[in-house]
Amino acid sequence: GGTSIGAPSWAGISQLISQQKGAPAGNLNTRI
């Protein structure tokens, strides 16, 4: 465990967004 679980998992989530968007999502902070 550790917050190390979340960093790669959220990197994966950004890839799901990028796939559906058809382009890199970029920094997520503003939209979050």
ModelCIF file with pLDDT and N, C-alpha, C, O atoms, coordinates in Angstrom:
data_MODEL
#
_entry.id   MODEL 
#
_entity.id                         1 
_entity.type                       polymer 
_entity.pdbx_number_of_molecules   1 
#
_entity_poly.entity_id                      1 
_entity_poly.type                           'polypeptide(L)' 
_entity_poly.nstd_linkage                   no 
_entity_poly.nstd_monomer                   no 
_entity_poly.pdbx_seq_one_letter_code       GGTSIGAPSWAGISQLISQQKGAPAGNLNTRI 
_entity_poly.pdbx_seq_one_letter_code_can   GGTSIGAPSWAGISQLISQQKGAPAGNLNTRI 
_entity_poly.pdbx_strand_id                 A 
#
loop_
_entity_poly_seq.entity_id 
_entity_poly_seq.num 
_entity_poly_seq.mon_id 
_entity_poly_seq.hetero 
1 1  GLY n 
1 2  GLY n 
1 3  THR n 
1 4  SER n 
1 5  ILE n 
1 6  GLY n 
1 7  ALA n 
1 8  PRO n 
1 9  SER n 
1 10 TRP n 
1 11 ALA n 
1 12 GLY n 
1 13 ILE n 
1 14 SER n 
1 15 GLN n 
1 16 LEU n 
1 17 ILE n 
1 18 SER n 
1 19 GLN n 
1 20 GLN n 
1 21 LYS n 
1 22 GLY n 
1 23 ALA n 
1 24 PRO n 
1 25 ALA n 
1 26 GLY n 
1 27 ASN n 
1 28 LEU n 
1 29 ASN n 
1 30 THR n 
1 31 ARG n 
1 32 ILE n 
#
_struct_asym.id          A 
_struct_asym.entity_id   1 
#
loop_
_ma_qa_metric.id 
_ma_qa_metric.mode 
_ma_qa_metric.name 
_ma_qa_metric.software_group_id 
_ma_qa_metric.type 
1 global pLDDT . pLDDT 
2 local  pLDDT . pLDDT 
#
_ma_qa_metric_global.metric_id      1 
_ma_qa_metric_global.metric_value   97.62 
_ma_qa_metric_global.model_id       1 
_ma_qa_metric_global.ordinal_id     1 
#
loop_
_ma_qa_metric_local.label_asym_id 
_ma_qa_metric_local.label_comp_id 
_ma_qa_metric_local.label_seq_id 
_ma_qa_metric_local.metric_id 
_ma_qa_metric_local.metric_value 
_ma_qa_metric_local.model_id 
_ma_qa_metric_local.ordinal_id 
A GLY 1  2 97.00 1 1  
A GLY 2  2 97.00 1 2  
A THR 3  2 98.00 1 3  
A SER 4  2 97.00 1 4  
A ILE 5  2 98.00 1 5  
A GLY 6  2 98.00 1 6  
A ALA 7  2 98.00 1 7  
A PRO 8  2 98.00 1 8  
A SER 9  2 98.00 1 9  
A TRP 10 2 98.00 1 10 
A ALA 11 2 98.00 1 11 
A GLY 12 2 98.00 1 12 
A ILE 13 2 98.00 1 13 
A SER 14 2 98.00 1 14 
A GLN 15 2 98.00 1 15 
A LEU 16 2 98.00 1 16 
A ILE 17 2 98.00 1 17 
A SER 18 2 98.00 1 18 
A GLN 19 2 98.00 1 19 
A GLN 20 2 97.00 1 20 
A LYS 21 2 96.00 1 21 
A GLY 22 2 96.00 1 22 
A ALA 23 2 96.00 1 23 
A PRO 24 2 97.00 1 24 
A ALA 25 2 97.00 1 25 
A GLY 26 2 98.00 1 26 
A ASN 27 2 98.00 1 27 
A LEU 28 2 98.00 1 28 
A ASN 29 2 98.00 1 29 
A THR 30 2 98.00 1 30 
A ARG 31 2 98.00 1 31 
A ILE 32 2 98.00 1 32 
#
loop_
_atom_site.group_PDB 
_atom_site.id 
_atom_site.type_symbol 
_atom_site.label_atom_id 
_atom_site.label_alt_id 
_atom_site.label_comp_id 
_atom_site.label_asym_id 
_atom_site.label_entity_id 
_atom_site.label_seq_id 
_atom_site.pdbx_PDB_ins_code 
_atom_site.Cartn_x 
_atom_site.Cartn_y 
_atom_site.Cartn_z 
_atom_site.occupancy 
_atom_site.B_iso_or_equiv 
_atom_site.pdbx_formal_charge 
_atom_site.auth_seq_id 
_atom_site.auth_comp_id 
_atom_site.auth_asym_id 
_atom_site.auth_atom_id 
_atom_site.pdbx_PDB_model_num 
ATOM 1   N N  . GLY A 1 1  ? 0.830   -1.202 0.000   1.00 97.00 ? 1  GLY A N  1 
ATOM 2   C CA . GLY A 1 1  ? 0.000   0.000  0.000   1.00 97.00 ? 1  GLY A CA 1 
ATOM 3   C C  . GLY A 1 1  ? 0.861   1.247  0.000   1.00 97.00 ? 1  GLY A C  1 
ATOM 4   O O  . GLY A 1 1  ? 2.068   1.186  -0.232  1.00 97.00 ? 1  GLY A O  1 
ATOM 5   N N  . GLY A 1 2  ? 0.230   2.371  0.262   1.00 97.00 ? 2  GLY A N  1 
ATOM 6   C CA . GLY A 1 2  ? 0.897   3.669  0.226   1.00 97.00 ? 2  GLY A CA 1 
ATOM 7   C C  . GLY A 1 2  ? 0.240   4.568  -0.802  1.00 97.00 ? 2  GLY A C  1 
ATOM 8   O O  . GLY A 1 2  ? -0.534  4.105  -1.640  1.00 97.00 ? 2  GLY A O  1 
ATOM 9   N N  . THR A 1 3  ? 0.548   5.839  -0.739  1.00 98.00 ? 3  THR A N  1 
ATOM 10  C CA . THR A 1 3  ? 0.011   6.744  -1.762  1.00 98.00 ? 3  THR A CA 1 
ATOM 11  C C  . THR A 1 3  ? 0.602   6.423  -3.130  1.00 98.00 ? 3  THR A C  1 
ATOM 12  O O  . THR A 1 3  ? 0.187   6.986  -4.143  1.00 98.00 ? 3  THR A O  1 
ATOM 13  N N  . SER A 1 4  ? 1.580   5.507  -3.153  1.00 97.00 ? 4  SER A N  1 
ATOM 14  C CA . SER A 1 4  ? 2.098   4.986  -4.416  1.00 97.00 ? 4  SER A CA 1 
ATOM 15  C C  . SER A 1 4  ? 1.053   4.200  -5.196  1.00 97.00 ? 4  SER A C  1 
ATOM 16  O O  . SER A 1 4  ? 1.192   4.039  -6.409  1.00 97.00 ? 4  SER A O  1 
ATOM 17  N N  . ILE A 1 5  ? 0.027   3.715  -4.542  1.00 98.00 ? 5  ILE A N  1 
ATOM 18  C CA . ILE A 1 5  ? -1.049  3.049  -5.289  1.00 98.00 ? 5  ILE A CA 1 
ATOM 19  C C  . ILE A 1 5  ? -1.769  4.080  -6.160  1.00 98.00 ? 5  ILE A C  1 
ATOM 20  O O  . ILE A 1 5  ? -2.108  3.798  -7.309  1.00 98.00 ? 5  ILE A O  1 
ATOM 21  N N  . GLY A 1 6  ? -1.996  5.261  -5.617  1.00 98.00 ? 6  GLY A N  1 
ATOM 22  C CA . GLY A 1 6  ? -2.808  6.261  -6.293  1.00 98.00 ? 6  GLY A CA 1 
ATOM 23  C C  . GLY A 1 6  ? -2.135  6.946  -7.461  1.00 98.00 ? 6  GLY A C  1 
ATOM 24  O O  . GLY A 1 6  ? -2.796  7.239  -8.457  1.00 98.00 ? 6  GLY A O  1 
ATOM 25  N N  . ALA A 1 7  ? -0.811  7.217  -7.371  1.00 98.00 ? 7  ALA A N  1 
ATOM 26  C CA . ALA A 1 7  ? -0.139  7.939  -8.459  1.00 98.00 ? 7  ALA A CA 1 
ATOM 27  C C  . ALA A 1 7  ? -0.213  7.168  -9.777  1.00 98.00 ? 7  ALA A C  1 
ATOM 28  O O  . ALA A 1 7  ? -0.640  7.746  -10.777 1.00 98.00 ? 7  ALA A O  1 
ATOM 29  N N  . PRO A 1 8  ? 0.183   5.886  -9.830  1.00 98.00 ? 8  PRO A N  1 
ATOM 30  C CA . PRO A 1 8  ? 0.068   5.169  -11.107 1.00 98.00 ? 8  PRO A CA 1 
ATOM 31  C C  . PRO A 1 8  ? -1.376  4.906  -11.509 1.00 98.00 ? 8  PRO A C  1 
ATOM 32  O O  . PRO A 1 8  ? -1.683  4.853  -12.700 1.00 98.00 ? 8  PRO A O  1 
ATOM 33  N N  . SER A 1 9  ? -2.266  4.742  -10.536 1.00 98.00 ? 9  SER A N  1 
ATOM 34  C CA . SER A 1 9  ? -3.675  4.515  -10.863 1.00 98.00 ? 9  SER A CA 1 
ATOM 35  C C  . SER A 1 9  ? -4.275  5.750  -11.515 1.00 98.00 ? 9  SER A C  1 
ATOM 36  O O  . SER A 1 9  ? -5.011  5.636  -12.495 1.00 98.00 ? 9  SER A O  1 
ATOM 37  N N  . TRP A 1 10 ? -3.971  6.932  -10.983 1.00 98.00 ? 10 TRP A N  1 
ATOM 38  C CA . TRP A 1 10 ? -4.482  8.159  -11.591 1.00 98.00 ? 10 TRP A CA 1 
ATOM 39  C C  . TRP A 1 10 ? -3.810  8.432  -12.944 1.00 98.00 ? 10 TRP A C  1 
ATOM 40  O O  . TRP A 1 10 ? -4.427  9.019  -13.834 1.00 98.00 ? 10 TRP A O  1 
ATOM 41  N N  . ALA A 1 11 ? -2.558  8.011  -13.099 1.00 98.00 ? 11 ALA A N  1 
ATOM 42  C CA . ALA A 1 11 ? -1.941  8.095  -14.424 1.00 98.00 ? 11 ALA A CA 1 
ATOM 43  C C  . ALA A 1 11 ? -2.742  7.259  -15.414 1.00 98.00 ? 11 ALA A C  1 
ATOM 44  O O  . ALA A 1 11 ? -2.940  7.656  -16.562 1.00 98.00 ? 11 ALA A O  1 
ATOM 45  N N  . GLY A 1 12 ? -3.208  6.077  -14.949 1.00 98.00 ? 12 GLY A N  1 
ATOM 46  C CA . GLY A 1 12 ? -4.061  5.242  -15.788 1.00 98.00 ? 12 GLY A CA 1 
ATOM 47  C C  . GLY A 1 12 ? -5.379  5.916  -16.118 1.00 98.00 ? 12 GLY A C  1 
ATOM 48  O O  . GLY A 1 12 ? -5.851  5.837  -17.252 1.00 98.00 ? 12 GLY A O  1 
ATOM 49  N N  . ILE A 1 13 ? -5.985  6.586  -15.124 1.00 98.00 ? 13 ILE A N  1 
ATOM 50  C CA . ILE A 1 13 ? -7.251  7.286  -15.363 1.00 98.00 ? 13 ILE A CA 1 
ATOM 51  C C  . ILE A 1 13 ? -7.070  8.370  -16.428 1.00 98.00 ? 13 ILE A C  1 
ATOM 52  O O  . ILE A 1 13 ? -7.934  8.562  -17.283 1.00 98.00 ? 13 ILE A O  1 
ATOM 53  N N  . SER A 1 14 ? -5.942  9.071  -16.366 1.00 98.00 ? 14 SER A N  1 
ATOM 54  C CA . SER A 1 14 ? -5.704  10.117 -17.368 1.00 98.00 ? 14 SER A CA 1 
ATOM 55  C C  . SER A 1 14 ? -5.607  9.516  -18.766 1.00 98.00 ? 14 SER A C  1 
ATOM 56  O O  . SER A 1 14 ? -5.974  10.166 -19.745 1.00 98.00 ? 14 SER A O  1 
ATOM 57  N N  . GLN A 1 15 ? -5.117  8.285  -18.870 1.00 98.00 ? 15 GLN A N  1 
ATOM 58  C CA . GLN A 1 15 ? -5.043  7.625  -20.175 1.00 98.00 ? 15 GLN A CA 1 
ATOM 59  C C  . GLN A 1 15 ? -6.442  7.280  -20.701 1.00 98.00 ? 15 GLN A C  1 
ATOM 60  O O  . GLN A 1 15 ? -6.686  7.330  -21.906 1.00 98.00 ? 15 GLN A O  1 
ATOM 61  N N  . LEU A 1 16 ? -7.337  6.937  -19.808 1.00 98.00 ? 16 LEU A N  1 
ATOM 62  C CA . LEU A 1 16 ? -8.723  6.682  -20.226 1.00 98.00 ? 16 LEU A CA 1 
ATOM 63  C C  . LEU A 1 16 ? -9.345  7.960  -20.793 1.00 98.00 ? 16 LEU A C  1 
ATOM 64  O O  . LEU A 1 16 ? -10.048 7.933  -21.803 1.00 98.00 ? 16 LEU A O  1 
ATOM 65  N N  . ILE A 1 17 ? -9.069  9.078  -20.116 1.00 98.00 ? 17 ILE A N  1 
ATOM 66  C CA . ILE A 1 17 ? -9.563  10.373 -20.602 1.00 98.00 ? 17 ILE A CA 1 
ATOM 67  C C  . ILE A 1 17 ? -8.947  10.697 -21.958 1.00 98.00 ? 17 ILE A C  1 
ATOM 68  O O  . ILE A 1 17 ? -9.647  11.111 -22.882 1.00 98.00 ? 17 ILE A O  1 
ATOM 69  N N  . SER A 1 18 ? -7.631  10.505 -22.071 1.00 98.00 ? 18 SER A N  1 
ATOM 70  C CA . SER A 1 18 ? -6.943  10.812 -23.327 1.00 98.00 ? 18 SER A CA 1 
ATOM 71  C C  . SER A 1 18 ? -7.479  9.967  -24.473 1.00 98.00 ? 18 SER A C  1 
ATOM 72  O O  . SER A 1 18 ? -7.656  10.459 -25.587 1.00 98.00 ? 18 SER A O  1 
ATOM 73  N N  . GLN A 1 19 ? -7.737  8.684  -24.191 1.00 98.00 ? 19 GLN A N  1 
ATOM 74  C CA . GLN A 1 19 ? -8.276  7.822  -25.249 1.00 98.00 ? 19 GLN A CA 1 
ATOM 75  C C  . GLN A 1 19 ? -9.630  8.323  -25.732 1.00 98.00 ? 19 GLN A C  1 
ATOM 76  O O  . GLN A 1 19 ? -9.874  8.442  -26.933 1.00 98.00 ? 19 GLN A O  1 
ATOM 77  N N  . GLN A 1 20 ? -10.511 8.617  -24.766 1.00 97.00 ? 20 GLN A N  1 
ATOM 78  C CA . GLN A 1 20 ? -11.852 9.042  -25.156 1.00 97.00 ? 20 GLN A CA 1 
ATOM 79  C C  . GLN A 1 20 ? -11.828 10.421 -25.808 1.00 97.00 ? 20 GLN A C  1 
ATOM 80  O O  . GLN A 1 20 ? -12.651 10.714 -26.676 1.00 97.00 ? 20 GLN A O  1 
ATOM 81  N N  . LYS A 1 21 ? -10.900 11.254 -25.399 1.00 96.00 ? 21 LYS A N  1 
ATOM 82  C CA . LYS A 1 21 ? -10.760 12.597 -25.976 1.00 96.00 ? 21 LYS A CA 1 
ATOM 83  C C  . LYS A 1 21 ? -10.095 12.551 -27.351 1.00 96.00 ? 21 LYS A C  1 
ATOM 84  O O  . LYS A 1 21 ? -10.349 13.398 -28.208 1.00 96.00 ? 21 LYS A O  1 
ATOM 85  N N  . GLY A 1 22 ? -9.243  11.550 -27.545 1.00 96.00 ? 22 GLY A N  1 
ATOM 86  C CA . GLY A 1 22 ? -8.510  11.459 -28.796 1.00 96.00 ? 22 GLY A CA 1 
ATOM 87  C C  . GLY A 1 22 ? -7.261  12.301 -28.826 1.00 96.00 ? 22 GLY A C  1 
ATOM 88  O O  . GLY A 1 22 ? -6.692  12.523 -29.895 1.00 96.00 ? 22 GLY A O  1 
ATOM 89  N N  . ALA A 1 23 ? -6.816  12.778 -27.669 1.00 96.00 ? 23 ALA A N  1 
ATOM 90  C CA . ALA A 1 23 ? -5.617  13.613 -27.556 1.00 96.00 ? 23 ALA A CA 1 
ATOM 91  C C  . ALA A 1 23 ? -5.189  13.607 -26.091 1.00 96.00 ? 23 ALA A C  1 
ATOM 92  O O  . ALA A 1 23 ? -6.001  13.304 -25.218 1.00 96.00 ? 23 ALA A O  1 
ATOM 93  N N  . PRO A 1 24 ? -3.914  13.941 -25.802 1.00 97.00 ? 24 PRO A N  1 
ATOM 94  C CA . PRO A 1 24 ? -3.470  13.967 -24.404 1.00 97.00 ? 24 PRO A CA 1 
ATOM 95  C C  . PRO A 1 24 ? -4.326  14.898 -23.551 1.00 97.00 ? 24 PRO A C  1 
ATOM 96  O O  . PRO A 1 24 ? -4.684  15.998 -23.971 1.00 97.00 ? 24 PRO A O  1 
ATOM 97  N N  . ALA A 1 25 ? -4.646  14.433 -22.343 1.00 97.00 ? 25 ALA A N  1 
ATOM 98  C CA . ALA A 1 25 ? -5.507  15.217 -21.447 1.00 97.00 ? 25 ALA A CA 1 
ATOM 99  C C  . ALA A 1 25 ? -4.786  16.418 -20.858 1.00 97.00 ? 25 ALA A C  1 
ATOM 100 O O  . ALA A 1 25 ? -5.415  17.438 -20.575 1.00 97.00 ? 25 ALA A O  1 
ATOM 101 N N  . GLY A 1 26 ? -3.470  16.313 -20.668 1.00 98.00 ? 26 GLY A N  1 
ATOM 102 C CA . GLY A 1 26 ? -2.726  17.391 -20.028 1.00 98.00 ? 26 GLY A CA 1 
ATOM 103 C C  . GLY A 1 26 ? -2.950  17.403 -18.526 1.00 98.00 ? 26 GLY A C  1 
ATOM 104 O O  . GLY A 1 26 ? -3.478  16.448 -17.957 1.00 98.00 ? 26 GLY A O  1 
ATOM 105 N N  . ASN A 1 27 ? -2.544  18.494 -17.891 1.00 98.00 ? 27 ASN A N  1 
ATOM 106 C CA . ASN A 1 27 ? -2.720  18.615 -16.443 1.00 98.00 ? 27 ASN A CA 1 
ATOM 107 C C  . ASN A 1 27 ? -4.199  18.609 -16.091 1.00 98.00 ? 27 ASN A C  1 
ATOM 108 O O  . ASN A 1 27 ? -4.983  19.344 -16.691 1.00 98.00 ? 27 ASN A O  1 
ATOM 109 N N  . LEU A 1 28 ? -4.593  17.773 -15.107 1.00 98.00 ? 28 LEU A N  1 
ATOM 110 C CA . LEU A 1 28 ? -6.007  17.593 -14.777 1.00 98.00 ? 28 LEU A CA 1 
ATOM 111 C C  . LEU A 1 28 ? -6.545  18.579 -13.749 1.00 98.00 ? 28 LEU A C  1 
ATOM 112 O O  . LEU A 1 28 ? -7.756  18.639 -13.536 1.00 98.00 ? 28 LEU A O  1 
ATOM 113 N N  . ASN A 1 29 ? -5.678  19.350 -13.110 1.00 98.00 ? 29 ASN A N  1 
ATOM 114 C CA . ASN A 1 29 ? -6.092  20.087 -11.911 1.00 98.00 ? 29 ASN A CA 1 
ATOM 115 C C  . ASN A 1 29 ? -7.261  21.042 -12.126 1.00 98.00 ? 29 ASN A C  1 
ATOM 116 O O  . ASN A 1 29 ? -8.219  21.024 -11.354 1.00 98.00 ? 29 ASN A O  1 
ATOM 117 N N  . THR A 1 30 ? -7.196  21.866 -13.155 1.00 98.00 ? 30 THR A N  1 
ATOM 118 C CA . THR A 1 30 ? -8.253  22.860 -13.357 1.00 98.00 ? 30 THR A CA 1 
ATOM 119 C C  . THR A 1 30 ? -9.617  22.195 -13.440 1.00 98.00 ? 30 THR A C  1 
ATOM 120 O O  . THR A 1 30 ? -10.569 22.652 -12.807 1.00 98.00 ? 30 THR A O  1 
ATOM 121 N N  . ARG A 1 31 ? -9.721  21.128 -14.207 1.00 98.00 ? 31 ARG A N  1 
ATOM 122 C CA . ARG A 1 31 ? -11.008 20.453 -14.381 1.00 98.00 ? 31 ARG A CA 1 
ATOM 123 C C  . ARG A 1 31 ? -11.434 19.708 -13.125 1.00 98.00 ? 31 ARG A C  1 
ATOM 124 O O  . ARG A 1 31 ? -12.620 19.688 -12.798 1.00 98.00 ? 31 ARG A O  1 
ATOM 125 N N  . ILE A 1 32 ? -10.485 19.090 -12.406 1.00 98.00 ? 32 ILE A N  1 
ATOM 126 C CA . ILE A 1 32 ? -10.828 18.415 -11.148 1.00 98.00 ? 32 ILE A CA 1 
ATOM 127 C C  . ILE A 1 32 ? -11.464 19.407 -10.178 1.00 98.00 ? 32 ILE A C  1 
ATOM 128 O O  . ILE A 1 32 ? -11.824 19.034 -9.061  1.00 98.00 ? 32 ILE A O  1 
#
